[in-house]
Amino acid sequence: MRKLNLIWVTARMHIEVYKYPAWSDVVEIETWCQSEGRIGTRRDWILKDYATGEVIGRATSKWVMMNQNTRRLQKVDDDVREEYLVFCPREPRLAFPEESNGSLRKIPKLEDPAEYSRNGLVPRRADLDMNLHVNNVTYIGWVLESIPQEIIDSYELETITLDYRRECQHDDIVDSLTSTEPTEDSERLQELKGTNGSASSSLKQDQEDSHQFLHLLRLSSDGLEINRGRTEWRKKPSR
Protein backbone atom coordinates (compact mmCIF):
# COMPACT_ATOMS: atom_id res chain seq x y z
CA MET A 1 0.00 0.00 0.00
CA ARG A 2 2.81 2.41 0.80
CA LYS A 3 4.39 1.82 -2.59
CA LEU A 4 1.07 2.64 -4.24
CA ASN A 5 0.39 5.66 -1.93
CA LEU A 6 -2.72 3.98 -0.55
CA ILE A 7 -4.13 4.43 2.96
CA TRP A 8 -7.16 3.22 4.91
CA VAL A 9 -9.57 5.83 6.29
CA THR A 10 -12.49 5.24 8.66
CA ALA A 11 -15.95 5.62 7.11
CA ARG A 12 -18.17 4.52 9.99
CA MET A 13 -17.89 3.21 13.54
CA HIS A 14 -20.51 1.76 15.86
CA ILE A 15 -19.80 0.80 19.50
CA GLU A 16 -22.09 -0.72 22.13
CA VAL A 17 -21.07 -1.13 25.78
CA TYR A 18 -23.31 -3.37 27.87
CA LYS A 19 -21.26 -3.24 31.04
CA TYR A 20 -18.21 -1.17 31.95
CA PRO A 21 -15.33 -3.09 33.53
CA ALA A 22 -14.32 -2.15 37.05
CA TRP A 23 -10.83 -1.58 38.40
CA SER A 24 -8.70 -4.78 38.30
CA ASP A 25 -11.13 -6.58 35.95
CA VAL A 26 -9.42 -8.41 33.10
CA VAL A 27 -10.94 -7.81 29.66
CA GLU A 28 -10.50 -10.07 26.63
CA ILE A 29 -10.73 -8.37 23.22
CA GLU A 30 -11.25 -10.33 20.02
CA THR A 31 -10.93 -8.49 16.70
CA TRP A 32 -10.86 -9.43 13.04
CA CYS A 33 -11.12 -7.80 9.62
CA GLN A 34 -12.76 -8.89 6.38
CA SER A 35 -13.50 -7.58 2.92
CA GLU A 36 -16.39 -5.13 2.42
CA GLY A 37 -17.03 -4.41 -1.26
CA ARG A 38 -14.49 -3.27 -3.84
CA ILE A 39 -13.20 -0.18 -2.04
CA GLY A 40 -13.52 -1.18 1.57
CA THR A 41 -12.98 -3.47 4.49
CA ARG A 42 -14.47 -3.81 7.95
CA ARG A 43 -13.11 -4.55 11.39
CA ASP A 44 -15.23 -5.95 14.22
CA TRP A 45 -14.61 -6.38 17.94
CA ILE A 46 -16.09 -8.40 20.79
CA LEU A 47 -15.19 -7.54 24.39
CA LYS A 48 -15.60 -10.08 27.17
CA ASP A 49 -15.12 -10.27 30.91
CA TYR A 50 -12.21 -12.72 31.04
CA ALA A 51 -13.29 -14.26 34.35
CA THR A 52 -16.89 -15.01 33.35
CA GLY A 53 -16.86 -15.01 29.55
CA GLU A 54 -19.71 -12.48 29.57
CA VAL A 55 -19.86 -10.24 26.48
CA ILE A 56 -19.62 -6.67 27.80
CA GLY A 57 -19.31 -4.83 24.49
CA ARG A 58 -19.31 -5.12 20.70
CA ALA A 59 -18.15 -2.83 17.92
CA THR A 60 -17.90 -2.69 14.15
CA SER A 61 -16.26 -0.29 11.72
CA LYS A 62 -16.07 0.29 7.98
CA TRP A 63 -12.94 1.50 6.21
CA VAL A 64 -12.35 2.68 2.65
CA MET A 65 -9.15 2.91 0.63
CA MET A 66 -7.89 6.34 -0.42
CA ASN A 67 -5.04 7.51 -2.61
CA GLN A 68 -2.88 9.61 -0.33
CA ASN A 69 -1.82 11.98 -3.11
CA THR A 70 -5.13 12.58 -4.90
CA ARG A 71 -7.31 12.25 -1.73
CA ARG A 72 -9.77 10.22 -3.78
CA LEU A 73 -11.29 6.85 -2.92
CA GLN A 74 -9.80 3.97 -4.82
CA LYS A 75 -10.77 0.35 -5.44
CA VAL A 76 -8.81 -2.19 -3.46
CA ASP A 77 -6.08 -3.57 -5.69
CA ASP A 78 -6.08 -7.38 -6.00
CA ASP A 79 -2.48 -7.56 -4.74
CA VAL A 80 -3.41 -5.53 -1.65
CA ARG A 81 -6.53 -7.62 -1.10
CA GLU A 82 -4.51 -10.83 -1.21
CA GLU A 83 -2.09 -9.46 1.39
CA TYR A 84 -4.73 -8.80 4.04
CA LEU A 85 -7.19 -11.59 3.24
CA VAL A 86 -4.79 -14.13 4.76
CA PHE A 87 -5.55 -12.54 8.14
CA CYS A 88 -9.36 -12.62 7.67
CA PRO A 89 -11.82 -15.37 8.67
CA ARG A 90 -12.55 -17.77 5.84
CA GLU A 91 -16.28 -17.55 6.55
CA PRO A 92 -17.91 -14.10 6.94
CA ARG A 93 -18.41 -13.21 10.59
CA LEU A 94 -20.13 -10.17 12.09
CA ALA A 95 -20.02 -8.76 15.61
CA PHE A 96 -23.65 -7.70 15.01
CA PRO A 97 -25.28 -10.56 13.09
CA GLU A 98 -28.82 -9.41 13.92
CA GLU A 99 -30.79 -8.20 10.90
CA SER A 100 -32.10 -5.04 12.57
CA ASN A 101 -29.05 -4.16 14.63
CA GLY A 102 -28.30 -0.57 15.64
CA SER A 103 -25.11 -0.35 13.60
CA LEU A 104 -27.21 -0.09 10.43
CA ARG A 105 -29.36 2.89 11.49
CA LYS A 106 -28.92 5.99 9.36
CA ILE A 107 -27.92 9.22 11.08
CA PRO A 108 -29.82 12.33 9.95
CA LYS A 109 -27.88 15.57 9.68
CA LEU A 110 -28.24 17.82 12.70
CA GLU A 111 -29.61 21.16 11.61
CA ASP A 112 -29.06 24.55 13.22
CA PRO A 113 -29.82 25.83 15.72
CA ALA A 114 -28.41 23.07 17.95
CA GLU A 115 -29.39 22.82 21.61
CA TYR A 116 -25.77 22.57 22.78
CA SER A 117 -22.49 23.55 21.19
CA ARG A 118 -18.77 23.82 21.86
CA ASN A 119 -16.88 25.88 19.29
CA GLY A 120 -13.22 26.41 18.48
CA LEU A 121 -11.85 22.90 19.10
CA VAL A 122 -8.26 22.68 17.85
CA PRO A 123 -6.41 19.42 17.06
CA ARG A 124 -3.33 18.75 19.16
CA ARG A 125 -0.24 17.07 17.79
CA ALA A 126 -1.15 13.94 19.78
CA ASP A 127 -4.51 13.83 17.98
CA LEU A 128 -2.90 13.11 14.59
CA ASP A 129 -2.36 9.65 13.14
CA MET A 130 0.50 8.47 10.92
CA ASN A 131 -1.21 10.02 7.88
CA LEU A 132 -1.40 13.40 9.69
CA HIS A 133 -5.20 13.18 9.94
CA VAL A 134 -7.06 13.62 13.19
CA ASN A 135 -7.47 10.05 14.47
CA ASN A 136 -10.93 8.56 14.86
CA VAL A 137 -10.79 8.42 18.68
CA THR A 138 -10.38 12.20 18.88
CA TYR A 139 -13.73 12.66 17.14
CA ILE A 140 -15.41 10.81 20.00
CA GLY A 141 -13.85 13.22 22.47
CA TRP A 142 -15.02 16.21 20.43
CA VAL A 143 -18.57 14.83 20.29
CA LEU A 144 -18.59 14.52 24.09
CA GLU A 145 -17.46 18.13 24.48
CA SER A 146 -20.95 19.40 23.61
CA ILE A 147 -22.88 16.89 25.75
CA PRO A 148 -24.67 18.65 28.67
CA GLN A 149 -22.79 18.32 31.93
CA GLU A 150 -25.80 16.86 33.74
CA ILE A 151 -25.76 13.95 31.28
CA ILE A 152 -22.05 13.36 31.86
CA ASP A 153 -22.60 13.44 35.63
CA SER A 154 -25.60 11.12 35.86
CA TYR A 155 -25.49 8.90 32.79
CA GLU A 156 -23.03 6.60 31.05
CA LEU A 157 -22.49 6.19 27.32
CA GLU A 158 -24.21 3.05 26.07
CA THR A 159 -23.99 3.35 22.28
CA ILE A 160 -22.16 5.62 19.86
CA THR A 161 -22.30 5.66 16.06
CA LEU A 162 -20.15 7.96 13.94
CA ASP A 163 -20.18 8.61 10.20
CA TYR A 164 -16.88 10.09 9.00
CA ARG A 165 -17.53 12.39 6.03
CA ARG A 166 -14.51 14.65 5.64
CA GLU A 167 -10.84 14.71 6.61
CA CYS A 168 -9.74 16.89 9.48
CA GLN A 169 -6.12 18.07 9.63
CA HIS A 170 -3.86 19.78 12.13
CA ASP A 171 -4.70 23.38 11.16
CA ASP A 172 -8.50 22.94 11.12
CA ILE A 173 -10.75 24.43 13.80
CA VAL A 174 -13.85 22.44 14.69
CA ASP A 175 -17.31 23.13 16.14
CA SER A 176 -19.18 20.42 18.04
CA LEU A 177 -23.01 20.56 17.99
CA THR A 178 -25.49 18.37 19.91
CA SER A 179 -29.29 18.16 20.08
CA THR A 180 -31.72 15.70 21.63
CA GLU A 181 -33.00 13.18 19.06
CA PRO A 182 -36.77 12.70 19.15
CA THR A 183 -37.78 9.09 19.77
CA GLU A 184 -41.04 7.20 19.43
CA ASP A 185 -41.43 7.33 23.21
CA SER A 186 -40.97 11.11 23.35
CA GLU A 187 -43.57 11.59 20.61
CA ARG A 188 -46.01 9.33 22.43
CA LEU A 189 -45.39 11.24 25.65
CA GLN A 190 -46.32 14.49 23.92
CA GLU A 191 -49.56 12.89 22.76
CA LEU A 192 -50.35 11.67 26.29
CA LYS A 193 -49.64 15.01 28.00
CA GLY A 194 -52.67 16.27 29.87
CA THR A 195 -54.17 12.78 30.21
CA ASN A 196 -54.34 10.64 33.31
CA GLY A 197 -53.07 7.10 33.66
CA SER A 198 -49.95 5.07 34.27
CA ALA A 199 -48.85 4.97 30.60
CA SER A 200 -47.71 8.59 30.66
CA SER A 201 -45.83 8.12 33.93
CA SER A 202 -44.16 4.95 32.66
CA LEU A 203 -42.97 6.63 29.45
CA LYS A 204 -41.66 9.61 31.41
CA GLN A 205 -39.68 7.28 33.67
CA ASP A 206 -38.20 5.51 30.64
CA GLN A 207 -37.10 8.88 29.25
CA GLU A 208 -35.46 9.80 32.55
CA ASP A 209 -33.53 6.52 32.52
CA SER A 210 -32.11 7.04 29.01
CA HIS A 211 -31.28 9.82 26.56
CA GLN A 212 -30.47 9.91 22.86
CA PHE A 213 -28.64 12.68 20.99
CA LEU A 214 -27.64 13.63 17.45
CA HIS A 215 -24.23 15.21 16.84
CA LEU A 216 -22.46 17.21 14.17
CA LEU A 217 -18.78 18.11 13.88
CA ARG A 218 -18.09 20.83 11.32
CA LEU A 219 -15.30 23.14 10.21
CA SER A 220 -15.55 26.53 11.93
CA SER A 221 -14.28 28.31 8.82
CA ASP A 222 -16.95 27.31 6.30
CA GLY A 223 -19.40 25.01 8.12
CA LEU A 224 -18.49 21.94 6.05
CA GLU A 225 -19.54 18.70 7.70
CA ILE A 226 -16.76 16.53 9.12
CA ASN A 227 -18.67 13.97 11.10
CA ARG A 228 -22.23 13.17 12.16
CA GLY A 229 -23.12 10.93 15.06
CA ARG A 230 -25.67 9.48 17.44
CA THR A 231 -25.20 8.62 21.11
CA GLU A 232 -27.43 6.77 23.56
CA TRP A 233 -27.02 7.13 27.32
CA ARG A 234 -28.33 5.10 30.25
CA LYS A 235 -28.63 6.03 33.90
CA LYS A 236 -25.46 5.22 35.83
CA PRO A 237 -25.90 2.20 38.12
CA SER A 238 -26.08 2.97 41.83
CA ARG A 239 -22.90 2.12 43.68
C-alpha atoms as a PDB file:
ATOM      1  CA  MET A   1       0.000   0.000   0.000  1.00  0.00           C
ATOM      2  CA  ARG A   2       2.813   2.411   0.804  1.00  0.00           C
ATOM      3  CA  LYS A   3       4.391   1.820  -2.592  1.00  0.00           C
ATOM      4  CA  LEU A   4       1.067   2.643  -4.240  1.00  0.00           C
ATOM      5  CA  ASN A   5       0.395   5.656  -1.931  1.00  0.00           C
ATOM      6  CA  LEU A   6      -2.719   3.977  -0.551  1.00  0.00           C
ATOM      7  CA  ILE A   7      -4.125   4.435   2.964  1.00  0.00           C
ATOM      8  CA  TRP A   8      -7.155   3.217   4.913  1.00  0.00           C
ATOM      9  CA  VAL A   9      -9.573   5.830   6.293  1.00  0.00           C
ATOM     10  CA  THR A  10     -12.488   5.238   8.660  1.00  0.00           C
ATOM     11  CA  ALA A  11     -15.947   5.619   7.112  1.00  0.00           C
ATOM     12  CA  ARG A  12     -18.167   4.516   9.991  1.00  0.00           C
ATOM     13  CA  MET A  13     -17.892   3.212  13.538  1.00  0.00           C
ATOM     14  CA  HIS A  14     -20.511   1.757  15.861  1.00  0.00           C
ATOM     15  CA  ILE A  15     -19.799   0.802  19.503  1.00  0.00           C
ATOM     16  CA  GLU A  16     -22.092  -0.716  22.129  1.00  0.00           C
ATOM     17  CA  VAL A  17     -21.065  -1.132  25.778  1.00  0.00           C
ATOM     18  CA  TYR A  18     -23.313  -3.368  27.871  1.00  0.00           C
ATOM     19  CA  LYS A  19     -21.255  -3.239  31.044  1.00  0.00           C
ATOM     20  CA  TYR A  20     -18.213  -1.167  31.946  1.00  0.00           C
ATOM     21  CA  PRO A  21     -15.332  -3.092  33.526  1.00  0.00           C
ATOM     22  CA  ALA A  22     -14.317  -2.153  37.046  1.00  0.00           C
ATOM     23  CA  TRP A  23     -10.835  -1.579  38.403  1.00  0.00           C
ATOM     24  CA  SER A  24      -8.704  -4.778  38.303  1.00  0.00           C
ATOM     25  CA  ASP A  25     -11.135  -6.580  35.952  1.00  0.00           C
ATOM     26  CA  VAL A  26      -9.424  -8.411  33.097  1.00  0.00           C
ATOM     27  CA  VAL A  27     -10.936  -7.806  29.663  1.00  0.00           C
ATOM     28  CA  GLU A  28     -10.502 -10.067  26.627  1.00  0.00           C
ATOM     29  CA  ILE A  29     -10.729  -8.368  23.219  1.00  0.00           C
ATOM     30  CA  GLU A  30     -11.251 -10.335  20.023  1.00  0.00           C
ATOM     31  CA  THR A  31     -10.929  -8.493  16.704  1.00  0.00           C
ATOM     32  CA  TRP A  32     -10.859  -9.428  13.036  1.00  0.00           C
ATOM     33  CA  CYS A  33     -11.116  -7.803   9.615  1.00  0.00           C
ATOM     34  CA  GLN A  34     -12.760  -8.886   6.377  1.00  0.00           C
ATOM     35  CA  SER A  35     -13.499  -7.577   2.924  1.00  0.00           C
ATOM     36  CA  GLU A  36     -16.394  -5.133   2.421  1.00  0.00           C
ATOM     37  CA  GLY A  37     -17.029  -4.414  -1.255  1.00  0.00           C
ATOM     38  CA  ARG A  38     -14.492  -3.274  -3.844  1.00  0.00           C
ATOM     39  CA  ILE A  39     -13.203  -0.177  -2.044  1.00  0.00           C
ATOM     40  CA  GLY A  40     -13.523  -1.180   1.574  1.00  0.00           C
ATOM     41  CA  THR A  41     -12.982  -3.472   4.486  1.00  0.00           C
ATOM     42  CA  ARG A  42     -14.469  -3.806   7.949  1.00  0.00           C
ATOM     43  CA  ARG A  43     -13.115  -4.548  11.386  1.00  0.00           C
ATOM     44  CA  ASP A  44     -15.231  -5.955  14.222  1.00  0.00           C
ATOM     45  CA  TRP A  45     -14.609  -6.378  17.936  1.00  0.00           C
ATOM     46  CA  ILE A  46     -16.088  -8.402  20.790  1.00  0.00           C
ATOM     47  CA  LEU A  47     -15.185  -7.536  24.389  1.00  0.00           C
ATOM     48  CA  LYS A  48     -15.605 -10.083  27.172  1.00  0.00           C
ATOM     49  CA  ASP A  49     -15.119 -10.266  30.906  1.00  0.00           C
ATOM     50  CA  TYR A  50     -12.210 -12.716  31.036  1.00  0.00           C
ATOM     51  CA  ALA A  51     -13.293 -14.257  34.350  1.00  0.00           C
ATOM     52  CA  THR A  52     -16.895 -15.008  33.354  1.00  0.00           C
ATOM     53  CA  GLY A  53     -16.860 -15.011  29.546  1.00  0.00           C
ATOM     54  CA  GLU A  54     -19.708 -12.480  29.565  1.00  0.00           C
ATOM     55  CA  VAL A  55     -19.857 -10.240  26.485  1.00  0.00           C
ATOM     56  CA  ILE A  56     -19.623  -6.671  27.802  1.00  0.00           C
ATOM     57  CA  GLY A  57     -19.311  -4.830  24.486  1.00  0.00           C
ATOM     58  CA  ARG A  58     -19.308  -5.119  20.700  1.00  0.00           C
ATOM     59  CA  ALA A  59     -18.150  -2.828  17.915  1.00  0.00           C
ATOM     60  CA  THR A  60     -17.904  -2.689  14.148  1.00  0.00           C
ATOM     61  CA  SER A  61     -16.264  -0.288  11.718  1.00  0.00           C
ATOM     62  CA  LYS A  62     -16.066   0.292   7.976  1.00  0.00           C
ATOM     63  CA  TRP A  63     -12.936   1.504   6.210  1.00  0.00           C
ATOM     64  CA  VAL A  64     -12.345   2.681   2.652  1.00  0.00           C
ATOM     65  CA  MET A  65      -9.150   2.910   0.632  1.00  0.00           C
ATOM     66  CA  MET A  66      -7.893   6.337  -0.425  1.00  0.00           C
ATOM     67  CA  ASN A  67      -5.037   7.508  -2.608  1.00  0.00           C
ATOM     68  CA  GLN A  68      -2.876   9.615  -0.326  1.00  0.00           C
ATOM     69  CA  ASN A  69      -1.820  11.984  -3.113  1.00  0.00           C
ATOM     70  CA  THR A  70      -5.133  12.583  -4.897  1.00  0.00           C
ATOM     71  CA  ARG A  71      -7.305  12.245  -1.728  1.00  0.00           C
ATOM     72  CA  ARG A  72      -9.772  10.216  -3.778  1.00  0.00           C
ATOM     73  CA  LEU A  73     -11.291   6.853  -2.918  1.00  0.00           C
ATOM     74  CA  GLN A  74      -9.798   3.965  -4.819  1.00  0.00           C
ATOM     75  CA  LYS A  75     -10.767   0.355  -5.437  1.00  0.00           C
ATOM     76  CA  VAL A  76      -8.814  -2.187  -3.456  1.00  0.00           C
ATOM     77  CA  ASP A  77      -6.077  -3.572  -5.689  1.00  0.00           C
ATOM     78  CA  ASP A  78      -6.076  -7.375  -5.996  1.00  0.00           C
ATOM     79  CA  ASP A  79      -2.480  -7.562  -4.737  1.00  0.00           C
ATOM     80  CA  VAL A  80      -3.412  -5.529  -1.652  1.00  0.00           C
ATOM     81  CA  ARG A  81      -6.528  -7.622  -1.105  1.00  0.00           C
ATOM     82  CA  GLU A  82      -4.509 -10.834  -1.210  1.00  0.00           C
ATOM     83  CA  GLU A  83      -2.091  -9.462   1.386  1.00  0.00           C
ATOM     84  CA  TYR A  84      -4.733  -8.803   4.035  1.00  0.00           C
ATOM     85  CA  LEU A  85      -7.192 -11.586   3.237  1.00  0.00           C
ATOM     86  CA  VAL A  86      -4.789 -14.130   4.759  1.00  0.00           C
ATOM     87  CA  PHE A  87      -5.549 -12.539   8.141  1.00  0.00           C
ATOM     88  CA  CYS A  88      -9.358 -12.615   7.665  1.00  0.00           C
ATOM     89  CA  PRO A  89     -11.817 -15.368   8.668  1.00  0.00           C
ATOM     90  CA  ARG A  90     -12.553 -17.767   5.835  1.00  0.00           C
ATOM     91  CA  GLU A  91     -16.277 -17.547   6.552  1.00  0.00           C
ATOM     92  CA  PRO A  92     -17.908 -14.098   6.941  1.00  0.00           C
ATOM     93  CA  ARG A  93     -18.408 -13.207  10.590  1.00  0.00           C
ATOM     94  CA  LEU A  94     -20.129 -10.166  12.092  1.00  0.00           C
ATOM     95  CA  ALA A  95     -20.024  -8.763  15.610  1.00  0.00           C
ATOM     96  CA  PHE A  96     -23.647  -7.700  15.014  1.00  0.00           C
ATOM     97  CA  PRO A  97     -25.284 -10.565  13.085  1.00  0.00           C
ATOM     98  CA  GLU A  98     -28.820  -9.414  13.921  1.00  0.00           C
ATOM     99  CA  GLU A  99     -30.790  -8.197  10.896  1.00  0.00           C
ATOM    100  CA  SER A 100     -32.105  -5.038  12.568  1.00  0.00           C
ATOM    101  CA  ASN A 101     -29.047  -4.158  14.629  1.00  0.00           C
ATOM    102  CA  GLY A 102     -28.297  -0.572  15.642  1.00  0.00           C
ATOM    103  CA  SER A 103     -25.109  -0.354  13.602  1.00  0.00           C
ATOM    104  CA  LEU A 104     -27.213  -0.095  10.427  1.00  0.00           C
ATOM    105  CA  ARG A 105     -29.357   2.893  11.489  1.00  0.00           C
ATOM    106  CA  LYS A 106     -28.920   5.989   9.357  1.00  0.00           C
ATOM    107  CA  ILE A 107     -27.924   9.222  11.079  1.00  0.00           C
ATOM    108  CA  PRO A 108     -29.823  12.331   9.954  1.00  0.00           C
ATOM    109  CA  LYS A 109     -27.881  15.569   9.680  1.00  0.00           C
ATOM    110  CA  LEU A 110     -28.237  17.817  12.698  1.00  0.00           C
ATOM    111  CA  GLU A 111     -29.614  21.160  11.607  1.00  0.00           C
ATOM    112  CA  ASP A 112     -29.063  24.547  13.222  1.00  0.00           C
ATOM    113  CA  PRO A 113     -29.821  25.830  15.718  1.00  0.00           C
ATOM    114  CA  ALA A 114     -28.408  23.071  17.948  1.00  0.00           C
ATOM    115  CA  GLU A 115     -29.388  22.815  21.609  1.00  0.00           C
ATOM    116  CA  TYR A 116     -25.771  22.571  22.781  1.00  0.00           C
ATOM    117  CA  SER A 117     -22.485  23.553  21.191  1.00  0.00           C
ATOM    118  CA  ARG A 118     -18.770  23.825  21.856  1.00  0.00           C
ATOM    119  CA  ASN A 119     -16.880  25.877  19.293  1.00  0.00           C
ATOM    120  CA  GLY A 120     -13.222  26.405  18.485  1.00  0.00           C
ATOM    121  CA  LEU A 121     -11.849  22.898  19.099  1.00  0.00           C
ATOM    122  CA  VAL A 122      -8.256  22.682  17.851  1.00  0.00           C
ATOM    123  CA  PRO A 123      -6.413  19.418  17.061  1.00  0.00           C
ATOM    124  CA  ARG A 124      -3.334  18.748  19.155  1.00  0.00           C
ATOM    125  CA  ARG A 125      -0.241  17.066  17.793  1.00  0.00           C
ATOM    126  CA  ALA A 126      -1.146  13.944  19.783  1.00  0.00           C
ATOM    127  CA  ASP A 127      -4.510  13.830  17.976  1.00  0.00           C
ATOM    128  CA  LEU A 128      -2.903  13.114  14.590  1.00  0.00           C
ATOM    129  CA  ASP A 129      -2.365   9.654  13.143  1.00  0.00           C
ATOM    130  CA  MET A 130       0.499   8.465  10.922  1.00  0.00           C
ATOM    131  CA  ASN A 131      -1.207  10.023   7.882  1.00  0.00           C
ATOM    132  CA  LEU A 132      -1.403  13.403   9.689  1.00  0.00           C
ATOM    133  CA  HIS A 133      -5.201  13.182   9.935  1.00  0.00           C
ATOM    134  CA  VAL A 134      -7.064  13.620  13.190  1.00  0.00           C
ATOM    135  CA  ASN A 135      -7.466  10.052  14.467  1.00  0.00           C
ATOM    136  CA  ASN A 136     -10.932   8.564  14.857  1.00  0.00           C
ATOM    137  CA  VAL A 137     -10.793   8.420  18.678  1.00  0.00           C
ATOM    138  CA  THR A 138     -10.380  12.204  18.877  1.00  0.00           C
ATOM    139  CA  TYR A 139     -13.726  12.664  17.140  1.00  0.00           C
ATOM    140  CA  ILE A 140     -15.405  10.810  19.998  1.00  0.00           C
ATOM    141  CA  GLY A 141     -13.849  13.221  22.472  1.00  0.00           C
ATOM    142  CA  TRP A 142     -15.016  16.206  20.429  1.00  0.00           C
ATOM    143  CA  VAL A 143     -18.575  14.832  20.292  1.00  0.00           C
ATOM    144  CA  LEU A 144     -18.595  14.516  24.085  1.00  0.00           C
ATOM    145  CA  GLU A 145     -17.455  18.134  24.479  1.00  0.00           C
ATOM    146  CA  SER A 146     -20.946  19.396  23.609  1.00  0.00           C
ATOM    147  CA  ILE A 147     -22.875  16.894  25.748  1.00  0.00           C
ATOM    148  CA  PRO A 148     -24.672  18.651  28.666  1.00  0.00           C
ATOM    149  CA  GLN A 149     -22.786  18.322  31.928  1.00  0.00           C
ATOM    150  CA  GLU A 150     -25.803  16.864  33.738  1.00  0.00           C
ATOM    151  CA  ILE A 151     -25.762  13.948  31.276  1.00  0.00           C
ATOM    152  CA  ILE A 152     -22.048  13.361  31.857  1.00  0.00           C
ATOM    153  CA  ASP A 153     -22.601  13.441  35.630  1.00  0.00           C
ATOM    154  CA  SER A 154     -25.603  11.118  35.864  1.00  0.00           C
ATOM    155  CA  TYR A 155     -25.492   8.898  32.788  1.00  0.00           C
ATOM    156  CA  GLU A 156     -23.034   6.598  31.048  1.00  0.00           C
ATOM    157  CA  LEU A 157     -22.488   6.185  27.324  1.00  0.00           C
ATOM    158  CA  GLU A 158     -24.214   3.048  26.066  1.00  0.00           C
ATOM    159  CA  THR A 159     -23.992   3.348  22.277  1.00  0.00           C
ATOM    160  CA  ILE A 160     -22.163   5.625  19.858  1.00  0.00           C
ATOM    161  CA  THR A 161     -22.305   5.663  16.058  1.00  0.00           C
ATOM    162  CA  LEU A 162     -20.148   7.959  13.940  1.00  0.00           C
ATOM    163  CA  ASP A 163     -20.181   8.606  10.197  1.00  0.00           C
ATOM    164  CA  TYR A 164     -16.880  10.094   8.998  1.00  0.00           C
ATOM    165  CA  ARG A 165     -17.527  12.388   6.026  1.00  0.00           C
ATOM    166  CA  ARG A 166     -14.506  14.652   5.641  1.00  0.00           C
ATOM    167  CA  GLU A 167     -10.839  14.706   6.608  1.00  0.00           C
ATOM    168  CA  CYS A 168      -9.742  16.890   9.478  1.00  0.00           C
ATOM    169  CA  GLN A 169      -6.118  18.066   9.626  1.00  0.00           C
ATOM    170  CA  HIS A 170      -3.857  19.782  12.126  1.00  0.00           C
ATOM    171  CA  ASP A 171      -4.695  23.375  11.158  1.00  0.00           C
ATOM    172  CA  ASP A 172      -8.497  22.936  11.115  1.00  0.00           C
ATOM    173  CA  ILE A 173     -10.748  24.432  13.799  1.00  0.00           C
ATOM    174  CA  VAL A 174     -13.854  22.436  14.685  1.00  0.00           C
ATOM    175  CA  ASP A 175     -17.314  23.129  16.137  1.00  0.00           C
ATOM    176  CA  SER A 176     -19.185  20.419  18.045  1.00  0.00           C
ATOM    177  CA  LEU A 177     -23.006  20.558  17.991  1.00  0.00           C
ATOM    178  CA  THR A 178     -25.485  18.373  19.907  1.00  0.00           C
ATOM    179  CA  SER A 179     -29.288  18.156  20.077  1.00  0.00           C
ATOM    180  CA  THR A 180     -31.721  15.703  21.629  1.00  0.00           C
ATOM    181  CA  GLU A 181     -32.998  13.184  19.063  1.00  0.00           C
ATOM    182  CA  PRO A 182     -36.771  12.699  19.154  1.00  0.00           C
ATOM    183  CA  THR A 183     -37.779   9.090  19.767  1.00  0.00           C
ATOM    184  CA  GLU A 184     -41.039   7.205  19.428  1.00  0.00           C
ATOM    185  CA  ASP A 185     -41.433   7.328  23.212  1.00  0.00           C
ATOM    186  CA  SER A 186     -40.973  11.113  23.350  1.00  0.00           C
ATOM    187  CA  GLU A 187     -43.572  11.592  20.610  1.00  0.00           C
ATOM    188  CA  ARG A 188     -46.014   9.328  22.428  1.00  0.00           C
ATOM    189  CA  LEU A 189     -45.388  11.243  25.655  1.00  0.00           C
ATOM    190  CA  GLN A 190     -46.316  14.486  23.925  1.00  0.00           C
ATOM    191  CA  GLU A 191     -49.558  12.888  22.756  1.00  0.00           C
ATOM    192  CA  LEU A 192     -50.351  11.673  26.285  1.00  0.00           C
ATOM    193  CA  LYS A 193     -49.643  15.009  28.004  1.00  0.00           C
ATOM    194  CA  GLY A 194     -52.673  16.267  29.869  1.00  0.00           C
ATOM    195  CA  THR A 195     -54.168  12.780  30.211  1.00  0.00           C
ATOM    196  CA  ASN A 196     -54.335  10.636  33.306  1.00  0.00           C
ATOM    197  CA  GLY A 197     -53.073   7.097  33.659  1.00  0.00           C
ATOM    198  CA  SER A 198     -49.946   5.072  34.270  1.00  0.00           C
ATOM    199  CA  ALA A 199     -48.850   4.970  30.605  1.00  0.00           C
ATOM    200  CA  SER A 200     -47.707   8.587  30.659  1.00  0.00           C
ATOM    201  CA  SER A 201     -45.826   8.115  33.928  1.00  0.00           C
ATOM    202  CA  SER A 202     -44.157   4.947  32.660  1.00  0.00           C
ATOM    203  CA  LEU A 203     -42.970   6.634  29.453  1.00  0.00           C
ATOM    204  CA  LYS A 204     -41.660   9.610  31.415  1.00  0.00           C
ATOM    205  CA  GLN A 205     -39.680   7.278  33.674  1.00  0.00           C
ATOM    206  CA  ASP A 206     -38.201   5.513  30.635  1.00  0.00           C
ATOM    207  CA  GLN A 207     -37.101   8.878  29.252  1.00  0.00           C
ATOM    208  CA  GLU A 208     -35.464   9.802  32.546  1.00  0.00           C
ATOM    209  CA  ASP A 209     -33.532   6.516  32.517  1.00  0.00           C
ATOM    210  CA  SER A 210     -32.110   7.041  29.010  1.00  0.00           C
ATOM    211  CA  HIS A 211     -31.284   9.819  26.558  1.00  0.00           C
ATOM    212  CA  GLN A 212     -30.470   9.913  22.857  1.00  0.00           C
ATOM    213  CA  PHE A 213     -28.638  12.682  20.990  1.00  0.00           C
ATOM    214  CA  LEU A 214     -27.641  13.632  17.451  1.00  0.00           C
ATOM    215  CA  HIS A 215     -24.234  15.206  16.837  1.00  0.00           C
ATOM    216  CA  LEU A 216     -22.462  17.206  14.167  1.00  0.00           C
ATOM    217  CA  LEU A 217     -18.785  18.112  13.883  1.00  0.00           C
ATOM    218  CA  ARG A 218     -18.088  20.827  11.322  1.00  0.00           C
ATOM    219  CA  LEU A 219     -15.302  23.140  10.213  1.00  0.00           C
ATOM    220  CA  SER A 220     -15.546  26.527  11.932  1.00  0.00           C
ATOM    221  CA  SER A 221     -14.280  28.313   8.818  1.00  0.00           C
ATOM    222  CA  ASP A 222     -16.952  27.308   6.296  1.00  0.00           C
ATOM    223  CA  GLY A 223     -19.398  25.014   8.119  1.00  0.00           C
ATOM    224  CA  LEU A 224     -18.488  21.940   6.051  1.00  0.00           C
ATOM    225  CA  GLU A 225     -19.538  18.696   7.701  1.00  0.00           C
ATOM    226  CA  ILE A 226     -16.763  16.532   9.122  1.00  0.00           C
ATOM    227  CA  ASN A 227     -18.670  13.973  11.095  1.00  0.00           C
ATOM    228  CA  ARG A 228     -22.228  13.172  12.158  1.00  0.00           C
ATOM    229  CA  GLY A 229     -23.118  10.933  15.060  1.00  0.00           C
ATOM    230  CA  ARG A 230     -25.665   9.477  17.439  1.00  0.00           C
ATOM    231  CA  THR A 231     -25.197   8.621  21.112  1.00  0.00           C
ATOM    232  CA  GLU A 232     -27.434   6.768  23.564  1.00  0.00           C
ATOM    233  CA  TRP A 233     -27.015   7.134  27.318  1.00  0.00           C
ATOM    234  CA  ARG A 234     -28.335   5.101  30.248  1.00  0.00           C
ATOM    235  CA  LYS A 235     -28.630   6.030  33.899  1.00  0.00           C
ATOM    236  CA  LYS A 236     -25.457   5.223  35.835  1.00  0.00           C
ATOM    237  CA  PRO A 237     -25.903   2.199  38.115  1.00  0.00           C
ATOM    238  CA  SER A 238     -26.081   2.967  41.834  1.00  0.00           C
ATOM    239  CA  ARG A 239     -22.898   2.124  43.680  1.00  0.00           C
END
